[in-house]
Amino acid sequence: KAVVSTQSTGQSHQEEVTTLPEGARLLASSERCANEVVLVRDNILTVQFHPDLTPELMMEKIWPSLLQRGVAEEKDKSKVEGEMQELDTDICLDILEDFFNSK
């Protein structure tokens, strides 16, 4: 059954699954990742995004590390904070929880 839905997720794709295993079913894709959510058989759900990423985690733990490593610049902080506020973390976690509770 096809459902069109859009959620904003935290992504940091340096590595990703580009070829699906035999029998896998693509459930979601994004502009940044062709195989964002994949179902293998009926009991293995894989996600390429970071369902655990929250605005608080990003700004309190990850952002300082990015600054320290020179991956980010302080001038970009407000932009990143804005992007983090747009994440649909709760919705994504609810979807994952529903999947695991249905098994």
Protein backbone atom coordinates (compact mmCIF):
# COMPACT_ATOMS: atom_id res chain seq x y z
CA LYS A 1 0.00 0.00 0.00
CA ALA A 2 1.50 3.34 -1.00
CA VAL A 3 1.40 6.18 1.49
CA VAL A 4 2.88 9.55 0.74
CA SER A 5 4.15 11.30 3.83
CA THR A 6 6.93 13.74 4.53
CA GLN A 7 8.97 13.89 7.71
CA SER A 8 12.11 15.87 8.37
CA THR A 9 14.85 13.63 9.75
CA GLY A 10 18.41 14.07 10.95
CA GLN A 11 20.85 12.85 8.34
CA SER A 12 24.58 12.62 8.04
CA HIS A 13 25.30 10.38 5.07
CA GLN A 14 28.94 9.53 4.72
CA GLU A 15 28.07 5.88 4.14
CA GLU A 16 24.76 4.45 2.98
CA VAL A 17 23.15 1.34 1.55
CA THR A 18 23.03 1.79 -2.21
CA THR A 19 21.91 -1.71 -3.23
CA LEU A 20 19.03 -3.48 -1.53
CA PRO A 21 19.36 -7.15 -0.60
CA GLU A 22 17.16 -9.64 -2.43
CA GLY A 23 13.60 -9.56 -1.16
CA ALA A 24 13.96 -6.17 0.54
CA ARG A 25 11.22 -3.60 0.08
CA LEU A 26 11.90 0.12 -0.15
CA LEU A 27 9.54 2.03 2.16
CA ALA A 28 10.96 5.55 2.00
CA SER A 29 13.52 7.61 0.17
CA SER A 30 14.76 11.17 0.35
CA GLU A 31 16.69 13.67 -1.71
CA ARG A 32 19.81 12.71 0.24
CA CYS A 33 19.32 8.93 0.35
CA ALA A 34 17.61 6.68 -2.17
CA ASN A 35 17.11 3.85 0.36
CA GLU A 36 16.07 5.78 3.48
CA VAL A 37 13.80 3.12 5.06
CA VAL A 38 13.88 -0.53 4.00
CA LEU A 39 11.93 -3.59 5.13
CA VAL A 40 13.62 -6.99 4.89
CA ARG A 41 11.21 -9.91 5.09
CA ASP A 42 8.53 -8.66 7.46
CA ASN A 43 10.56 -8.28 10.63
CA ILE A 44 13.71 -6.28 9.86
CA LEU A 45 13.34 -2.54 9.47
CA THR A 46 16.39 -0.46 8.57
CA VAL A 47 16.68 3.30 8.57
CA GLN A 48 19.46 5.45 7.17
CA PHE A 49 18.46 8.58 9.10
CA HIS A 50 19.14 9.20 12.78
CA PRO A 51 15.84 8.72 14.67
CA ASP A 52 17.66 9.53 17.91
CA LEU A 53 18.77 13.01 16.83
CA THR A 54 17.03 15.76 18.77
CA PRO A 55 17.70 19.50 18.72
CA GLU A 56 19.06 19.25 22.27
CA LEU A 57 21.45 16.43 21.42
CA MET A 58 22.70 18.27 18.36
CA MET A 59 23.33 21.60 20.03
CA GLU A 60 24.61 20.31 23.40
CA LYS A 61 26.76 17.37 22.30
CA ILE A 62 27.34 17.21 18.55
CA TRP A 63 27.64 20.92 17.64
CA PRO A 64 30.59 21.57 20.01
CA SER A 65 32.40 18.56 18.55
CA LEU A 66 31.81 19.77 14.99
CA LEU A 67 33.20 23.19 15.92
CA GLN A 68 36.23 21.66 17.64
CA ARG A 69 37.02 19.45 14.64
CA GLY A 70 36.62 22.37 12.22
CA VAL A 71 33.71 20.72 10.41
CA ALA A 72 31.36 23.60 11.26
CA GLU A 73 31.73 27.30 11.88
CA GLU A 74 30.14 29.40 14.62
CA LYS A 75 28.50 31.63 11.98
CA ASP A 76 26.30 28.66 10.97
CA LYS A 77 24.92 28.01 14.46
CA SER A 78 21.57 29.81 14.03
CA LYS A 79 20.95 28.05 10.70
CA VAL A 80 21.65 24.65 12.27
CA GLU A 81 19.45 25.48 15.28
CA GLY A 82 16.61 26.35 12.89
CA GLU A 83 17.05 23.11 10.93
CA MET A 84 17.03 21.12 14.17
CA GLN A 85 13.72 22.68 15.21
CA GLU A 86 12.19 21.39 11.96
CA LEU A 87 12.99 17.74 12.73
CA ASP A 88 10.04 15.37 13.10
CA THR A 89 11.88 13.21 15.64
CA ASP A 90 8.76 12.36 17.65
CA ILE A 91 6.80 11.32 14.56
CA CYS A 92 9.67 9.15 13.30
CA LEU A 93 10.08 7.49 16.69
CA ASP A 94 6.32 6.84 16.83
CA ILE A 95 6.47 5.14 13.42
CA LEU A 96 9.37 2.95 14.55
CA GLU A 97 7.66 2.14 17.83
CA ASP A 98 4.49 1.13 15.97
CA PHE A 99 6.52 -1.20 13.77
CA PHE A 100 8.21 -2.93 16.70
CA ASN A 101 5.01 -3.19 18.70
CA SER A 102 3.24 -4.85 15.79
CA LYS A 103 5.76 -7.72 15.64
